[in-house]
Amino acid sequence: DVGGSYGFWQRANFDNEPGITLTLLNLGRPKGEFPPNFTYVAGDARHMPEFADGQFDVVFSNSTIEHVGDLSDQRRMAQEVQRVGKRYFVQTPNRYFPIEPHFLFPWFQFLPISTRVWLLQNFSFSRMGKVTDREKALQLVKEIRLLNEQEMRTLFPGARIYYERLAGLVKSIVAYKF
């Protein structure tokens, strides 16, 4: 699981599931103990030299690729996912869904950066609340780059594309190869 958490798999009842081992890759290692079938690795989704080509039966990543940087960084993550996994499942919010999922604000992703920063500094959004520090607000805005269907097709050539819909609109895009 690239960018994942133990809690996600625990809620899905995969903790202590016989015959299944899970490796979680994230920027930092959380505190606490994990069941024997879990391994937690601190690392970077864009560069995974700790893993061999085809090391994993399935690489799973849920809402991570939009956080790794610009399109070049996203391309590097996509290449690494395809390199280390025999199969993969990569989900990301759709850039063209009307509500930006991180800030819960209509069409936030299309506003100029300066407007997004101003909004974050002056209003409370989602779980992050008001971000009064301009540099922190700018960092949050620049940290997220939503993708569209064509970009997902380009990043994952040969993958099948699945659309998660809400009220008939494409909320998320999944590239998968099985």
N, C-alpha and C. Protein backbone atom coordinates (compact mmCIF):
# COMPACT_ATOMS: atom_id res chain seq x y z
N ASP A 1 0.85 -1.17 0.00
CA ASP A 1 0.00 0.00 0.00
C ASP A 1 0.90 1.23 0.00
N VAL A 2 0.91 1.96 -1.10
CA VAL A 2 1.73 3.16 -1.24
C VAL A 2 0.92 4.35 -0.71
N GLY A 3 1.40 4.92 0.40
CA GLY A 3 0.73 6.05 1.01
C GLY A 3 -0.36 5.65 1.99
N GLY A 4 -0.41 4.39 2.34
CA GLY A 4 -1.51 3.89 3.15
C GLY A 4 -1.28 3.93 4.64
N SER A 5 -2.29 3.46 5.36
CA SER A 5 -2.22 3.43 6.81
C SER A 5 -2.74 2.09 7.33
N TYR A 6 -2.27 1.72 8.49
CA TYR A 6 -2.71 0.48 9.12
C TYR A 6 -4.22 0.55 9.41
N GLY A 7 -4.70 1.70 9.85
CA GLY A 7 -6.12 1.85 10.18
C GLY A 7 -7.04 1.49 9.03
N PHE A 8 -6.65 1.85 7.81
CA PHE A 8 -7.46 1.51 6.63
C PHE A 8 -7.64 0.00 6.52
N TRP A 9 -6.54 -0.74 6.66
CA TRP A 9 -6.59 -2.19 6.51
C TRP A 9 -7.24 -2.86 7.72
N GLN A 10 -7.09 -2.25 8.87
CA GLN A 10 -7.73 -2.77 10.07
C GLN A 10 -9.26 -2.66 9.93
N ARG A 11 -9.74 -1.51 9.45
CA ARG A 11 -11.19 -1.33 9.23
C ARG A 11 -11.72 -2.32 8.18
N ALA A 12 -10.85 -2.71 7.25
CA ALA A 12 -11.25 -3.68 6.22
C ALA A 12 -11.05 -5.13 6.69
N ASN A 13 -10.69 -5.30 7.98
CA ASN A 13 -10.51 -6.62 8.59
C ASN A 13 -9.37 -7.43 7.97
N PHE A 14 -8.29 -6.75 7.58
CA PHE A 14 -7.14 -7.45 7.03
C PHE A 14 -6.05 -7.66 8.07
N ASP A 15 -6.23 -7.11 9.27
CA ASP A 15 -5.22 -7.37 10.29
C ASP A 15 -5.35 -8.83 10.73
N ASN A 16 -4.24 -9.51 10.72
CA ASN A 16 -4.17 -10.94 11.07
C ASN A 16 -4.91 -11.85 10.09
N GLU A 17 -5.11 -11.41 8.86
CA GLU A 17 -5.75 -12.25 7.84
C GLU A 17 -4.75 -13.32 7.40
N PRO A 18 -5.09 -14.59 7.56
CA PRO A 18 -4.14 -15.64 7.20
C PRO A 18 -3.78 -15.62 5.71
N GLY A 19 -2.51 -15.81 5.42
CA GLY A 19 -2.05 -15.92 4.05
C GLY A 19 -1.83 -14.59 3.34
N ILE A 20 -2.11 -13.48 4.02
CA ILE A 20 -1.94 -12.17 3.39
C ILE A 20 -0.92 -11.37 4.20
N THR A 21 0.08 -10.85 3.49
CA THR A 21 1.03 -9.94 4.12
C THR A 21 0.90 -8.59 3.44
N LEU A 22 1.00 -7.54 4.22
CA LEU A 22 0.86 -6.19 3.70
C LEU A 22 2.08 -5.36 4.05
N THR A 23 2.58 -4.64 3.06
CA THR A 23 3.66 -3.69 3.28
C THR A 23 3.09 -2.30 3.05
N LEU A 24 3.22 -1.45 4.05
CA LEU A 24 2.73 -0.08 3.97
C LEU A 24 3.91 0.85 3.79
N LEU A 25 3.91 1.63 2.72
CA LEU A 25 4.97 2.61 2.47
C LEU A 25 4.39 3.99 2.69
N ASN A 26 5.03 4.76 3.55
CA ASN A 26 4.58 6.13 3.79
C ASN A 26 5.80 6.96 4.18
N LEU A 27 5.62 8.27 4.23
CA LEU A 27 6.76 9.16 4.51
C LEU A 27 7.41 8.90 5.85
N GLY A 28 6.62 8.60 6.85
CA GLY A 28 7.17 8.32 8.17
C GLY A 28 6.52 7.09 8.77
N ARG A 29 7.19 6.51 9.73
CA ARG A 29 6.66 5.31 10.37
C ARG A 29 5.86 5.74 11.60
N PRO A 30 4.58 5.31 11.67
CA PRO A 30 3.77 5.67 12.84
C PRO A 30 4.21 4.87 14.07
N LYS A 31 3.83 5.37 15.23
CA LYS A 31 4.13 4.67 16.47
C LYS A 31 3.14 3.53 16.65
N GLY A 32 3.55 2.58 17.43
CA GLY A 32 2.65 1.49 17.75
C GLY A 32 3.10 0.17 17.18
N GLU A 33 2.42 -0.84 17.61
CA GLU A 33 2.71 -2.20 17.17
C GLU A 33 1.73 -2.60 16.07
N PHE A 34 2.17 -3.50 15.22
CA PHE A 34 1.34 -3.97 14.13
C PHE A 34 1.32 -5.49 14.15
N PRO A 35 0.27 -6.11 13.61
CA PRO A 35 0.24 -7.57 13.55
C PRO A 35 1.42 -8.09 12.71
N PRO A 36 1.75 -9.37 12.87
CA PRO A 36 2.90 -9.93 12.15
C PRO A 36 2.79 -9.90 10.63
N ASN A 37 1.58 -9.81 10.10
CA ASN A 37 1.43 -9.79 8.65
C ASN A 37 1.57 -8.38 8.06
N PHE A 38 1.93 -7.38 8.88
CA PHE A 38 2.12 -6.01 8.41
C PHE A 38 3.58 -5.60 8.54
N THR A 39 4.09 -4.94 7.49
CA THR A 39 5.41 -4.32 7.52
C THR A 39 5.22 -2.87 7.17
N TYR A 40 5.84 -1.98 7.95
CA TYR A 40 5.72 -0.55 7.68
C TYR A 40 7.09 -0.03 7.25
N VAL A 41 7.15 0.61 6.08
CA VAL A 41 8.40 1.13 5.53
C VAL A 41 8.28 2.63 5.35
N ALA A 42 9.23 3.38 5.91
CA ALA A 42 9.28 4.82 5.66
C ALA A 42 9.98 5.01 4.32
N GLY A 43 9.32 5.69 3.40
CA GLY A 43 9.91 5.86 2.08
C GLY A 43 9.14 6.85 1.23
N ASP A 44 9.57 6.97 -0.01
CA ASP A 44 9.05 7.93 -0.96
C ASP A 44 8.41 7.19 -2.13
N ALA A 45 7.16 7.47 -2.41
CA ALA A 45 6.43 6.80 -3.49
C ALA A 45 7.07 7.02 -4.85
N ARG A 46 7.86 8.08 -4.98
CA ARG A 46 8.48 8.41 -6.27
C ARG A 46 9.79 7.67 -6.50
N HIS A 47 10.30 7.05 -5.45
CA HIS A 47 11.60 6.37 -5.55
C HIS A 47 11.63 5.27 -4.50
N MET A 48 11.50 4.03 -4.94
CA MET A 48 11.40 2.90 -4.02
C MET A 48 12.52 1.88 -4.26
N PRO A 49 13.78 2.29 -4.08
CA PRO A 49 14.88 1.36 -4.34
C PRO A 49 14.92 0.18 -3.37
N GLU A 50 14.21 0.28 -2.27
CA GLU A 50 14.19 -0.81 -1.29
C GLU A 50 13.40 -2.02 -1.78
N PHE A 51 12.68 -1.85 -2.90
CA PHE A 51 11.86 -2.94 -3.44
C PHE A 51 12.36 -3.35 -4.82
N ALA A 52 12.32 -4.67 -5.07
CA ALA A 52 12.76 -5.22 -6.35
C ALA A 52 11.66 -5.11 -7.40
N ASP A 53 12.04 -5.22 -8.65
CA ASP A 53 11.07 -5.26 -9.75
C ASP A 53 10.11 -6.42 -9.52
N GLY A 54 8.81 -6.17 -9.62
CA GLY A 54 7.81 -7.22 -9.48
C GLY A 54 7.76 -7.87 -8.11
N GLN A 55 8.22 -7.20 -7.09
CA GLN A 55 8.27 -7.78 -5.74
C GLN A 55 6.89 -8.06 -5.16
N PHE A 56 5.89 -7.26 -5.54
CA PHE A 56 4.57 -7.38 -4.93
C PHE A 56 3.55 -7.92 -5.91
N ASP A 57 2.68 -8.78 -5.41
CA ASP A 57 1.59 -9.30 -6.24
C ASP A 57 0.66 -8.17 -6.67
N VAL A 58 0.33 -7.28 -5.73
CA VAL A 58 -0.55 -6.14 -6.02
C VAL A 58 -0.02 -4.91 -5.29
N VAL A 59 0.07 -3.80 -5.99
CA VAL A 59 0.37 -2.52 -5.37
C VAL A 59 -0.94 -1.73 -5.36
N PHE A 60 -1.28 -1.25 -4.18
CA PHE A 60 -2.52 -0.51 -3.96
C PHE A 60 -2.16 0.89 -3.52
N SER A 61 -2.85 1.89 -4.04
CA SER A 61 -2.63 3.26 -3.59
C SER A 61 -3.94 4.03 -3.71
N ASN A 62 -4.38 4.57 -2.60
CA ASN A 62 -5.66 5.26 -2.52
C ASN A 62 -5.45 6.73 -2.17
N SER A 63 -5.73 7.61 -3.12
CA SER A 63 -5.64 9.05 -2.89
C SER A 63 -4.27 9.49 -2.38
N THR A 64 -3.23 9.05 -3.07
CA THR A 64 -1.87 9.45 -2.73
C THR A 64 -1.19 10.18 -3.88
N ILE A 65 -1.41 9.73 -5.10
CA ILE A 65 -0.66 10.27 -6.25
C ILE A 65 -0.86 11.78 -6.42
N GLU A 66 -2.00 12.31 -5.99
CA GLU A 66 -2.23 13.75 -6.12
C GLU A 66 -1.42 14.56 -5.10
N HIS A 67 -0.74 13.88 -4.16
CA HIS A 67 0.02 14.56 -3.11
C HIS A 67 1.54 14.53 -3.31
N VAL A 68 2.03 13.87 -4.35
CA VAL A 68 3.48 13.66 -4.46
C VAL A 68 4.23 14.80 -5.17
N GLY A 69 3.51 15.77 -5.71
CA GLY A 69 4.19 16.88 -6.38
C GLY A 69 3.59 17.17 -7.74
N ASP A 70 4.41 17.66 -8.63
CA ASP A 70 3.94 18.03 -9.96
C ASP A 70 3.78 16.80 -10.86
N LEU A 71 3.44 17.02 -12.12
CA LEU A 71 3.20 15.90 -13.04
C LEU A 71 4.44 15.02 -13.18
N SER A 72 5.62 15.61 -13.15
CA SER A 72 6.85 14.83 -13.23
C SER A 72 6.98 13.89 -12.02
N ASP A 73 6.67 14.39 -10.83
CA ASP A 73 6.70 13.57 -9.63
C ASP A 73 5.63 12.47 -9.70
N GLN A 74 4.46 12.81 -10.21
CA GLN A 74 3.39 11.83 -10.35
C GLN A 74 3.80 10.74 -11.34
N ARG A 75 4.49 11.13 -12.40
CA ARG A 75 4.99 10.15 -13.37
C ARG A 75 5.98 9.20 -12.72
N ARG A 76 6.87 9.74 -11.89
CA ARG A 76 7.84 8.90 -11.19
C ARG A 76 7.15 7.91 -10.25
N MET A 77 6.12 8.37 -9.54
CA MET A 77 5.38 7.45 -8.67
C MET A 77 4.70 6.36 -9.50
N ALA A 78 4.06 6.75 -10.59
CA ALA A 78 3.37 5.77 -11.45
C ALA A 78 4.36 4.73 -11.98
N GLN A 79 5.54 5.17 -12.39
CA GLN A 79 6.55 4.24 -12.89
C GLN A 79 7.01 3.27 -11.80
N GLU A 80 7.18 3.78 -10.59
CA GLU A 80 7.60 2.92 -9.48
C GLU A 80 6.51 1.91 -9.12
N VAL A 81 5.26 2.35 -9.10
CA VAL A 81 4.15 1.43 -8.82
C VAL A 81 4.15 0.29 -9.83
N GLN A 82 4.31 0.63 -11.11
CA GLN A 82 4.30 -0.38 -12.16
C GLN A 82 5.55 -1.26 -12.12
N ARG A 83 6.65 -0.71 -11.65
CA ARG A 83 7.89 -1.48 -11.55
C ARG A 83 7.84 -2.51 -10.43
N VAL A 84 7.39 -2.10 -9.26
CA VAL A 84 7.45 -3.01 -8.10
C VAL A 84 6.26 -3.96 -8.02
N GLY A 85 5.19 -3.67 -8.75
CA GLY A 85 4.00 -4.52 -8.67
C GLY A 85 3.74 -5.32 -9.93
N LYS A 86 3.32 -6.56 -9.75
CA LYS A 86 2.88 -7.37 -10.88
C LYS A 86 1.51 -6.87 -11.35
N ARG A 87 0.74 -6.38 -10.40
CA ARG A 87 -0.58 -5.80 -10.66
C ARG A 87 -0.68 -4.53 -9.82
N TYR A 88 -1.64 -3.67 -10.15
CA TYR A 88 -1.79 -2.45 -9.35
C TYR A 88 -3.22 -1.93 -9.40
N PHE A 89 -3.50 -1.09 -8.41
CA PHE A 89 -4.79 -0.42 -8.27
C PHE A 89 -4.47 0.94 -7.68
N VAL A 90 -4.60 2.00 -8.49
CA VAL A 90 -4.25 3.36 -8.06
C VAL A 90 -5.47 4.25 -8.25
N GLN A 91 -5.95 4.81 -7.15
CA GLN A 91 -7.13 5.68 -7.15
C GLN A 91 -6.72 7.11 -6.86
N THR A 92 -7.42 8.05 -7.50
CA THR A 92 -7.20 9.47 -7.23
C THR A 92 -8.51 10.23 -7.45
N PRO A 93 -8.72 11.32 -6.72
CA PRO A 93 -9.91 12.14 -6.99
C PRO A 93 -9.84 12.73 -8.40
N ASN A 94 -10.98 12.87 -9.02
CA ASN A 94 -11.07 13.43 -10.37
C ASN A 94 -10.94 14.95 -10.32
N ARG A 95 -10.02 15.47 -11.08
CA ARG A 95 -9.81 16.92 -11.15
C ARG A 95 -11.10 17.66 -11.52
N TYR A 96 -11.96 17.04 -12.31
CA TYR A 96 -13.15 17.73 -12.80
C TYR A 96 -14.40 17.48 -11.97
N PHE A 97 -14.27 16.84 -10.82
CA PHE A 97 -15.42 16.73 -9.91
C PHE A 97 -15.64 18.12 -9.30
N PRO A 98 -16.88 18.57 -9.19
CA PRO A 98 -17.12 19.97 -8.79
C PRO A 98 -16.65 20.35 -7.38
N ILE A 99 -16.58 19.40 -6.46
CA ILE A 99 -16.13 19.71 -5.10
C ILE A 99 -14.71 19.17 -4.92
N GLU A 100 -13.78 20.06 -4.62
CA GLU A 100 -12.40 19.63 -4.36
C GLU A 100 -12.42 18.87 -3.04
N PRO A 101 -11.98 17.58 -3.04
CA PRO A 101 -12.18 16.72 -1.87
C PRO A 101 -11.32 17.06 -0.65
N HIS A 102 -10.23 17.75 -0.80
CA HIS A 102 -9.37 18.07 0.33
C HIS A 102 -9.84 19.32 1.07
N PHE A 103 -10.43 20.24 0.33
CA PHE A 103 -10.86 21.51 0.91
C PHE A 103 -12.38 21.65 0.96
N LEU A 104 -13.08 20.73 0.30
CA LEU A 104 -14.55 20.71 0.28
C LEU A 104 -15.13 22.05 -0.15
N PHE A 105 -14.56 22.58 -1.22
CA PHE A 105 -14.98 23.87 -1.75
C PHE A 105 -15.21 23.71 -3.25
N PRO A 106 -16.34 24.21 -3.77
CA PRO A 106 -16.63 24.05 -5.21
C PRO A 106 -15.56 24.69 -6.09
N TRP A 107 -15.05 23.90 -7.03
CA TRP A 107 -14.11 24.32 -8.07
C TRP A 107 -12.84 24.97 -7.51
N PHE A 108 -12.49 24.68 -6.29
CA PHE A 108 -11.30 25.22 -5.63
C PHE A 108 -10.05 25.00 -6.48
N GLN A 109 -9.95 23.82 -7.10
CA GLN A 109 -8.75 23.45 -7.86
C GLN A 109 -8.51 24.32 -9.08
N PHE A 110 -9.53 25.07 -9.53
CA PHE A 110 -9.39 25.91 -10.73
C PHE A 110 -9.16 27.38 -10.41
N LEU A 111 -9.22 27.73 -9.14
CA LEU A 111 -8.99 29.12 -8.75
C LEU A 111 -7.49 29.42 -8.82
N PRO A 112 -7.13 30.68 -9.04
CA PRO A 112 -5.71 31.04 -9.00
C PRO A 112 -5.11 30.69 -7.62
N ILE A 113 -3.83 30.37 -7.60
CA ILE A 113 -3.17 29.99 -6.35
C ILE A 113 -3.36 31.07 -5.30
N SER A 114 -3.20 32.33 -5.68
CA SER A 114 -3.31 33.42 -4.70
C SER A 114 -4.72 33.45 -4.07
N THR A 115 -5.74 33.15 -4.84
CA THR A 115 -7.11 33.12 -4.32
C THR A 115 -7.30 31.94 -3.37
N ARG A 116 -6.75 30.79 -3.74
CA ARG A 116 -6.84 29.62 -2.86
C ARG A 116 -6.14 29.88 -1.53
N VAL A 117 -4.97 30.49 -1.58
CA VAL A 117 -4.24 30.81 -0.36
C VAL A 117 -5.05 31.78 0.49
N TRP A 118 -5.60 32.81 -0.12
CA TRP A 118 -6.42 33.79 0.61
C TRP A 118 -7.62 33.12 1.27
N LEU A 119 -8.29 32.24 0.53
CA LEU A 119 -9.44 31.52 1.10
C LEU A 119 -9.03 30.70 2.32
N LEU A 120 -7.91 29.99 2.21
CA LEU A 120 -7.44 29.19 3.34
C LEU A 120 -7.09 30.05 4.55
N GLN A 121 -6.55 31.24 4.29
CA GLN A 121 -6.16 32.12 5.38
C GLN A 121 -7.36 32.78 6.06
N ASN A 122 -8.48 32.84 5.36
CA ASN A 122 -9.61 33.60 5.88
C ASN A 122 -10.85 32.79 6.22
N PHE A 123 -10.87 31.52 5.85
CA PHE A 123 -12.04 30.67 6.11
C PHE A 123 -11.58 29.30 6.60
N SER A 124 -12.45 28.65 7.33
CA SER A 124 -12.17 27.32 7.85
C SER A 124 -12.67 26.28 6.85
N PHE A 125 -11.75 25.47 6.32
CA PHE A 125 -12.11 24.44 5.36
C PHE A 125 -11.88 23.06 5.95
N SER A 126 -12.80 22.17 5.68
CA SER A 126 -12.63 20.76 5.97
C SER A 126 -12.05 20.56 7.36
N ARG A 127 -11.20 19.55 7.50
CA ARG A 127 -10.64 19.22 8.81
C ARG A 127 -9.43 20.08 9.17
N MET A 128 -8.93 20.87 8.24
CA MET A 128 -7.71 21.64 8.53
C MET A 128 -7.98 22.98 9.20
N GLY A 129 -9.20 23.47 9.12
CA GLY A 129 -9.50 24.75 9.72
C GLY A 129 -8.83 25.91 8.99
N LYS A 130 -8.90 27.08 9.59
CA LYS A 130 -8.29 28.27 9.01
C LYS A 130 -6.78 28.18 9.14
N VAL A 131 -6.06 28.51 8.07
CA VAL A 131 -4.60 28.46 8.06
C VAL A 131 -4.11 29.90 7.94
N THR A 132 -3.83 30.53 9.07
CA THR A 132 -3.49 31.95 9.04
C THR A 132 -2.10 32.23 8.49
N ASP A 133 -1.18 31.29 8.64
CA ASP A 133 0.17 31.48 8.13
C ASP A 133 0.18 31.35 6.61
N ARG A 134 0.59 32.41 5.91
CA ARG A 134 0.55 32.42 4.45
C ARG A 134 1.41 31.31 3.83
N GLU A 135 2.62 31.11 4.35
CA GLU A 135 3.51 30.09 3.79
C GLU A 135 2.92 28.69 3.96
N LYS A 136 2.30 28.43 5.09
CA LYS A 136 1.67 27.13 5.34
C LYS A 136 0.48 26.95 4.39
N ALA A 137 -0.31 28.01 4.20
CA ALA A 137 -1.45 27.94 3.27
C ALA A 137 -0.96 27.69 1.85
N LEU A 138 0.11 28.36 1.45
CA LEU A 138 0.68 28.17 0.12
C LEU A 138 1.18 26.73 -0.04
N GLN A 139 1.84 26.22 0.97
CA GLN A 139 2.33 24.84 0.93
C GLN A 139 1.17 23.86 0.76
N LEU A 140 0.09 24.05 1.50
CA LEU A 140 -1.08 23.16 1.38
C LEU A 140 -1.69 23.21 -0.01
N VAL A 141 -1.78 24.39 -0.58
CA VAL A 141 -2.34 24.55 -1.92
C VAL A 141 -1.45 23.86 -2.96
N LYS A 142 -0.16 24.06 -2.85
CA LYS A 142 0.77 23.50 -3.84
C LYS A 142 1.00 22.00 -3.67
N GLU A 143 0.66 21.48 -2.49
CA GLU A 143 0.88 20.07 -2.19
C GLU A 143 -0.05 19.15 -2.98
N ILE A 144 -1.14 19.69 -3.46
CA ILE A 144 -2.15 18.85 -4.11
C ILE A 144 -2.28 19.21 -5.59
N ARG A 145 -2.12 18.20 -6.43
CA ARG A 145 -2.32 18.36 -7.87
C ARG A 145 -3.24 17.24 -8.33
N LEU A 146 -4.51 17.59 -8.51
CA LEU A 146 -5.49 16.60 -8.95
C LEU A 146 -5.24 16.23 -10.40
N LEU A 147 -5.58 14.99 -10.74
CA LEU A 147 -5.39 14.48 -12.10
C LEU A 147 -6.73 14.29 -12.81
N ASN A 148 -6.66 14.26 -14.12
CA ASN A 148 -7.85 13.95 -14.92
C ASN A 148 -7.68 12.57 -15.56
N GLU A 149 -8.70 12.14 -16.27
CA GLU A 149 -8.68 10.81 -16.87
C GLU A 149 -7.53 10.64 -17.86
N GLN A 150 -7.31 11.61 -18.72
CA GLN A 150 -6.25 11.48 -19.72
C GLN A 150 -4.87 11.35 -19.07
N GLU A 151 -4.64 12.11 -18.01
CA GLU A 151 -3.36 12.01 -17.31
C GLU A 151 -3.19 10.61 -16.69
N MET A 152 -4.26 10.09 -16.11
CA MET A 152 -4.18 8.73 -15.54
C MET A 152 -3.89 7.71 -16.64
N ARG A 153 -4.52 7.86 -17.80
CA ARG A 153 -4.26 6.94 -18.91
C ARG A 153 -2.80 7.04 -19.38
N THR A 154 -2.28 8.25 -19.39
CA THR A 154 -0.89 8.46 -19.81
C THR A 154 0.09 7.90 -18.77
N LEU A 155 -0.20 8.12 -17.50
CA LEU A 155 0.69 7.65 -16.44
C LEU A 155 0.67 6.12 -16.31
N PHE A 156 -0.46 5.52 -16.65
CA PHE A 156 -0.61 4.07 -16.51
C PHE A 156 -1.03 3.46 -17.84
N PRO A 157 -0.12 3.46 -18.83
CA PRO A 157 -0.47 2.91 -20.14
C PRO A 157 -0.82 1.43 -20.02
N GLY A 158 -1.86 1.04 -20.71
CA GLY A 158 -2.29 -0.35 -20.67
C GLY A 158 -3.20 -0.69 -19.51
N ALA A 159 -3.40 0.26 -18.61
CA ALA A 159 -4.29 0.02 -17.47
C ALA A 159 -5.74 0.16 -17.90
N ARG A 160 -6.60 -0.50 -17.17
CA ARG A 160 -8.02 -0.26 -17.31
C ARG A 160 -8.37 0.91 -16.40
N ILE A 161 -9.38 1.65 -16.80
CA ILE A 161 -9.80 2.81 -16.02
C ILE A 161 -11.22 2.55 -15.50
N TYR A 162 -11.38 2.77 -14.22
CA TYR A 162 -12.68 2.63 -13.57
C TYR A 162 -13.07 3.99 -13.01
N TYR A 163 -14.35 4.32 -13.08
CA TYR A 163 -14.85 5.60 -12.59
C TYR A 163 -15.72 5.37 -11.37
N GLU A 164 -15.36 5.97 -10.26
CA GLU A 164 -16.21 5.97 -9.09
C GLU A 164 -17.12 7.19 -9.21
N ARG A 165 -18.42 6.97 -9.16
CA ARG A 165 -19.37 8.05 -9.41
C ARG A 165 -20.14 8.43 -8.16
N LEU A 166 -20.53 9.69 -8.11
CA LEU A 166 -21.40 10.21 -7.08
C LEU A 166 -22.41 11.11 -7.77
N ALA A 167 -23.66 10.80 -7.62
CA ALA A 167 -24.74 11.54 -8.27
C ALA A 167 -24.53 11.63 -9.78
N GLY A 168 -24.00 10.56 -10.36
CA GLY A 168 -23.78 10.49 -11.79
C GLY A 168 -22.49 11.15 -12.28
N LEU A 169 -21.79 11.86 -11.41
CA LEU A 169 -20.54 12.53 -11.78
C LEU A 169 -19.35 11.67 -11.38
N VAL A 170 -18.28 11.74 -12.16
CA VAL A 170 -17.07 10.97 -11.85
C VAL A 170 -16.35 11.66 -10.70
N LYS A 171 -16.39 11.00 -9.54
CA LYS A 171 -15.78 11.52 -8.32
C LYS A 171 -14.29 11.14 -8.26
N SER A 172 -13.98 9.90 -8.62
CA SER A 172 -12.61 9.40 -8.55
C SER A 172 -12.31 8.56 -9.78
N ILE A 173 -11.03 8.47 -10.08
CA ILE A 173 -10.55 7.69 -11.22
C ILE A 173 -9.60 6.63 -10.68
N VAL A 174 -9.79 5.40 -11.14
CA VAL A 174 -8.93 4.30 -10.73
C VAL A 174 -8.25 3.72 -11.97
N ALA A 175 -6.94 3.63 -11.93
CA ALA A 175 -6.18 2.91 -12.96
C ALA A 175 -5.81 1.57 -12.35
N TYR A 176 -6.14 0.50 -13.05
CA TYR A 176 -5.81 -0.81 -12.49
C TYR A 176 -5.36 -1.78 -13.58
N LYS A 177 -4.52 -2.70 -13.16
CA LYS A 177 -4.04 -3.75 -14.05
C LYS A 177 -4.02 -5.04 -13.25
N PHE A 178 -4.81 -6.01 -13.72
CA PHE A 178 -4.89 -7.31 -13.02
C PHE A 178 -4.76 -8.45 -13.94
